[in-house]
């Protein structure tokens, strides 16, 4: 029995049936395909004869291999990590995996992660890139912090600055402002951990025309040592590394 397929293609039980069909049908011309089930084989009609496809395969011209380029589609080889990093090959294709492995250095361009504001401010990372927004954030000092005053000390008030402190982008602690009414030698307020010097620091100040000092201890206490009767207006302007 013959299996009906699209025009020009037939399946036959055997070679005899295939030959018989060809003799009875003048429509079989060169290029028609046929297949037999016993033995299983493929044939092509060529000049009035059924020719096994295996015998004509050698006459089929080899396909033309075209290398891919920027202007033509074709065959291309994938680049290795070394070739990707070298950056000189214009024929091979770079895959996402290889591209992610091409990290940027001081000597070559490549993939680089952007630094966070904290990493930018720390200034110790040698692999991440700083961007303008991160630089701006890193270079913006924190807001001024208002401490709780003790031992009778209060802010002097307008037109002077109230006492406050903050840490700069370089890690220095700044204390500024004017206070009054406290007793000399007493603690004005206490700095929190992270804002304290490693060792006691003393800074000069002037109050009531007399020389005094601002003493910042390693435990964070900030005390004022002044001359007698000079606590009516004390200005504090100090800066130290914490």
Protein backbone atom coordinates (compact mmCIF):
# COMPACT_ATOMS: atom_id res chain seq x y z
CA UNK A 1 0.00 0.00 0.00
CA UNK A 2 1.28 3.43 -0.89
CA UNK A 3 1.15 6.22 1.72
CA UNK A 4 -0.16 9.45 0.18
CA UNK A 5 2.12 12.40 0.89
CA UNK A 6 2.52 15.85 -0.68
CA UNK A 7 3.21 15.94 -4.43
CA UNK A 8 6.59 14.51 -5.36
CA UNK A 9 6.90 12.32 -2.23
CA UNK A 10 5.75 8.68 -1.72
CA UNK A 11 6.31 5.79 0.70
CA UNK A 12 6.28 2.23 -0.73
CA UNK A 13 6.39 -1.23 0.90
CA UNK A 14 9.46 -2.21 -1.08
CA UNK A 15 11.60 -1.37 -4.13
CA UNK A 16 9.47 -3.46 -6.51
CA UNK A 17 6.35 -1.54 -5.63
CA UNK A 18 8.23 1.70 -6.02
CA UNK A 19 9.44 0.70 -9.53
CA UNK A 20 6.00 -0.42 -10.55
CA UNK A 21 4.51 2.87 -9.49
CA UNK A 22 7.14 4.77 -11.45
CA UNK A 23 6.40 2.74 -14.61
CA UNK A 24 2.67 3.36 -14.34
CA UNK A 25 2.96 7.07 -13.62
CA UNK A 26 4.68 9.39 -16.13
CA UNK A 27 4.53 12.20 -13.57
CA UNK A 28 7.62 10.93 -11.75
CA UNK A 29 10.34 13.32 -12.86
CA UNK A 30 13.84 14.06 -11.66
CA UNK A 31 13.87 15.35 -8.10
CA UNK A 32 10.88 13.34 -6.83
CA UNK A 33 11.47 11.62 -3.50
CA UNK A 34 10.36 8.18 -2.38
CA UNK A 35 10.90 5.88 0.59
CA UNK A 36 10.66 2.14 1.09
CA UNK A 37 9.75 0.32 4.27
CA UNK A 38 11.57 -2.94 3.53
CA UNK A 39 14.39 -2.23 3.53
CA UNK A 40 14.00 1.29 4.96
CA UNK A 41 15.68 3.63 2.51
CA UNK A 42 15.31 6.97 0.78
CA UNK A 43 15.47 7.46 -3.00
CA UNK A 44 15.49 10.35 -5.42
CA UNK A 45 14.27 10.15 -9.06
CA UNK A 46 17.11 11.01 -11.45
CA UNK A 47 16.91 10.59 -15.27
CA UNK A 48 14.25 7.87 -15.10
CA UNK A 49 15.96 5.90 -12.31
CA UNK A 50 15.51 5.67 -8.53
CA UNK A 51 18.86 6.51 -6.96
CA UNK A 52 19.56 5.96 -3.25
CA UNK A 53 20.19 9.27 -1.59
CA UNK A 54 23.37 7.93 -0.02
CA UNK A 55 24.91 7.53 -3.47
CA UNK A 56 24.31 11.12 -4.51
CA UNK A 57 25.28 12.71 -1.21
CA UNK A 58 28.83 13.10 -2.41
CA UNK A 59 27.62 15.23 -5.30
CA UNK A 60 25.92 17.72 -3.04
CA UNK A 61 28.14 20.79 -2.78
CA UNK A 62 29.43 21.67 0.68
CA UNK A 63 27.69 24.66 2.22
CA UNK A 64 29.51 27.97 2.06
CA UNK A 65 30.64 29.02 5.54
CA UNK A 66 30.34 32.77 6.11
CA UNK A 67 31.93 34.38 9.12
CA UNK A 68 29.69 36.78 11.00
CA UNK A 69 30.59 40.46 10.80
CA UNK A 70 29.06 43.80 11.65
CA UNK A 71 27.32 43.80 8.26
CA UNK A 72 26.60 40.11 7.58
CA UNK A 73 25.06 37.19 9.42
CA UNK A 74 27.21 34.09 9.72
CA UNK A 75 29.08 31.73 11.99
CA UNK A 76 30.97 33.07 14.98
CA UNK A 77 32.97 31.53 17.82
CA UNK A 78 32.34 32.47 21.44
CA UNK A 79 35.13 34.39 23.12
CA UNK A 80 36.96 32.96 26.11
CA UNK A 81 37.49 34.92 29.32
CA UNK A 82 41.06 35.69 28.26
CA UNK A 83 39.93 36.95 24.84
CA UNK A 84 37.17 39.02 26.44
CA UNK A 85 39.58 40.62 28.88
CA UNK A 86 42.14 41.30 26.15
CA UNK A 87 39.55 43.33 24.26
CA UNK A 88 41.34 43.05 20.89
CA UNK A 89 39.38 40.31 19.05
CA UNK A 90 36.90 41.64 16.47
CA UNK A 91 35.50 38.27 15.32
CA UNK A 92 34.41 36.35 18.43
CA UNK A 93 31.20 36.94 20.36
CA UNK A 94 31.24 37.99 24.02
CA UNK A 95 28.61 36.27 26.19
CA UNK A 96 27.03 37.86 29.28
CA UNK A 97 28.93 35.43 31.51
CA UNK A 98 32.28 36.43 29.99
CA UNK A 99 31.38 40.11 30.03
CA UNK A 100 30.55 40.00 33.75
CA UNK A 101 33.99 38.52 34.36
CA UNK A 102 35.72 41.47 32.68
CA UNK A 103 36.08 43.65 35.74
CA UNK A 104 37.44 47.16 35.48
CA UNK A 105 40.95 47.93 36.75
CA UNK A 106 43.26 50.93 36.61
CA UNK A 107 44.70 49.47 33.39
CA UNK A 108 41.52 48.43 31.49
CA UNK A 109 37.85 49.22 31.09
CA UNK A 110 35.25 46.72 32.22
CA UNK A 111 32.28 45.98 34.45
CA UNK A 112 32.35 47.87 37.75
CA UNK A 113 29.98 48.09 40.71
CA UNK A 114 28.97 51.53 41.95
CA UNK A 115 30.02 52.43 45.48
CA UNK A 116 27.46 53.25 48.14
CA UNK A 117 27.64 56.51 50.07
CA UNK A 118 29.07 54.61 53.06
CA UNK A 119 31.76 52.98 50.89
CA UNK A 120 32.58 56.34 49.31
CA UNK A 121 32.90 57.97 52.71
CA UNK A 122 35.05 55.14 54.09
CA UNK A 123 37.55 55.66 51.27
CA UNK A 124 39.04 52.16 51.52
CA UNK A 125 37.42 50.33 48.55
CA UNK A 126 39.69 50.00 45.52
CA UNK A 127 37.28 48.14 43.20
CA UNK A 128 34.02 50.12 43.16
CA UNK A 129 33.33 53.34 41.23
CA UNK A 130 32.21 56.61 42.80
CA UNK A 131 29.35 58.45 41.10
CA UNK A 132 28.34 62.12 41.56
CA UNK A 133 25.21 61.39 43.60
CA UNK A 134 27.12 59.11 45.94
CA UNK A 135 29.92 61.66 46.26
CA UNK A 136 27.46 64.40 47.15
CA UNK A 137 25.85 62.23 49.81
CA UNK A 138 29.20 61.16 51.20
CA UNK A 139 30.46 64.75 51.35
CA UNK A 140 27.35 66.07 53.10
CA UNK A 141 27.93 66.20 56.89
CA UNK A 142 25.30 64.89 59.24
CA UNK A 143 22.78 67.23 60.86
CA UNK A 144 23.67 69.07 64.06
CA UNK A 145 22.73 67.18 67.23
CA UNK A 146 21.33 69.03 70.24
CA UNK A 147 22.62 67.55 73.53
CA UNK A 148 20.92 67.46 76.90
CA UNK A 149 22.61 70.07 79.13
CA UNK A 150 23.35 69.30 82.79
CA UNK A 151 24.50 70.95 86.05
CA UNK A 152 22.57 74.17 85.50
CA UNK A 153 24.04 74.95 82.09
CA UNK A 154 21.56 76.40 79.55
CA UNK A 155 21.89 77.82 76.07
CA UNK A 156 22.68 81.53 75.95
CA UNK A 157 20.07 82.06 73.26
CA UNK A 158 19.80 84.57 70.42
CA UNK A 159 21.79 85.95 68.79
CA UNK A 160 24.24 83.13 69.68
CA UNK A 161 24.13 79.53 68.43
CA UNK A 162 22.67 76.92 70.78
CA UNK A 163 25.15 74.26 71.84
CA UNK A 164 25.26 71.36 69.37
CA UNK A 165 27.67 68.84 67.87
CA UNK A 166 28.11 66.64 64.81
CA UNK A 167 30.67 64.52 62.98
CA UNK A 168 32.14 65.73 59.68
CA UNK A 169 32.67 63.59 56.59
CA UNK A 170 36.32 63.23 57.57
CA UNK A 171 35.39 61.82 60.99
CA UNK A 172 36.14 64.90 63.09
CA UNK A 173 33.75 65.93 65.85
CA UNK A 174 32.75 69.59 66.00
CA UNK A 175 31.13 71.24 69.04
CA UNK A 176 29.79 74.78 68.78
CA UNK A 177 27.48 77.17 70.62
CA UNK A 178 27.19 79.42 73.65
CA UNK A 179 26.00 78.48 77.15
CA UNK A 180 25.63 80.23 80.53
CA UNK A 181 24.81 79.93 84.23
CA UNK A 182 26.59 76.66 85.03
CA UNK A 183 29.22 76.18 87.69
CA UNK A 184 32.86 76.16 86.64
CA UNK A 185 34.47 72.75 86.45
CA UNK A 186 31.19 70.94 85.92
CA UNK A 187 30.05 68.77 83.01
CA UNK A 188 27.94 70.62 80.44
CA UNK A 189 26.85 67.49 78.53
CA UNK A 190 28.12 64.03 77.52
CA UNK A 191 28.98 62.94 73.99
CA UNK A 192 27.66 59.54 72.84
CA UNK A 193 29.92 56.64 71.88
CA UNK A 194 31.46 57.25 68.47
CA UNK A 195 31.93 60.96 69.16
CA UNK A 196 34.50 60.67 71.92
CA UNK A 197 38.28 61.22 71.69
CA UNK A 198 40.65 58.36 72.45
CA UNK A 199 42.28 60.52 75.15
CA UNK A 200 41.32 63.65 77.03
CA UNK A 201 41.47 66.84 74.97
CA UNK A 202 41.60 70.45 76.26
CA UNK A 203 40.74 73.54 74.22
CA UNK A 204 41.06 77.22 75.22
CA UNK A 205 38.04 79.50 75.50
CA UNK A 206 37.34 82.99 76.81
CA UNK A 207 34.46 83.83 79.16
CA UNK A 208 33.86 87.17 80.83
CA UNK A 209 37.25 88.41 79.71
CA UNK A 210 39.00 85.50 81.39
CA UNK A 211 40.79 82.55 79.88
CA UNK A 212 39.18 79.20 80.45
CA UNK A 213 39.22 75.73 78.94
CA UNK A 214 36.89 73.17 77.39
CA UNK A 215 37.78 69.67 78.59
CA UNK A 216 36.54 66.69 76.56
CA UNK A 217 37.25 63.33 78.21
CA UNK A 218 37.55 59.88 76.68
CA UNK A 219 34.27 58.99 78.40
CA UNK A 220 32.52 61.74 76.48
CA UNK A 221 32.02 64.36 79.20
CA UNK A 222 32.39 67.98 78.10
CA UNK A 223 33.25 70.27 81.03
CA UNK A 224 34.07 73.99 81.31
CA UNK A 225 36.79 75.29 83.60
CA UNK A 226 36.45 79.08 84.01
CA UNK A 227 37.48 81.97 86.20
CA UNK A 228 35.25 83.14 89.01
CA UNK A 229 32.04 84.82 87.85
CA UNK A 230 32.74 84.19 84.18
CA UNK A 231 29.96 81.71 83.35
CA UNK A 232 27.45 84.30 82.15
CA UNK A 233 28.42 83.76 78.53
CA UNK A 234 30.74 80.95 77.41
CA UNK A 235 31.33 80.25 73.72
CA UNK A 236 32.47 76.75 72.77
CA UNK A 237 34.15 76.15 69.39
CA UNK A 238 36.19 72.91 69.33
CA UNK A 239 37.09 70.26 66.79
CA UNK A 240 38.87 66.93 67.30
CA UNK A 241 39.21 63.48 65.73
CA UNK A 242 37.10 60.76 67.29
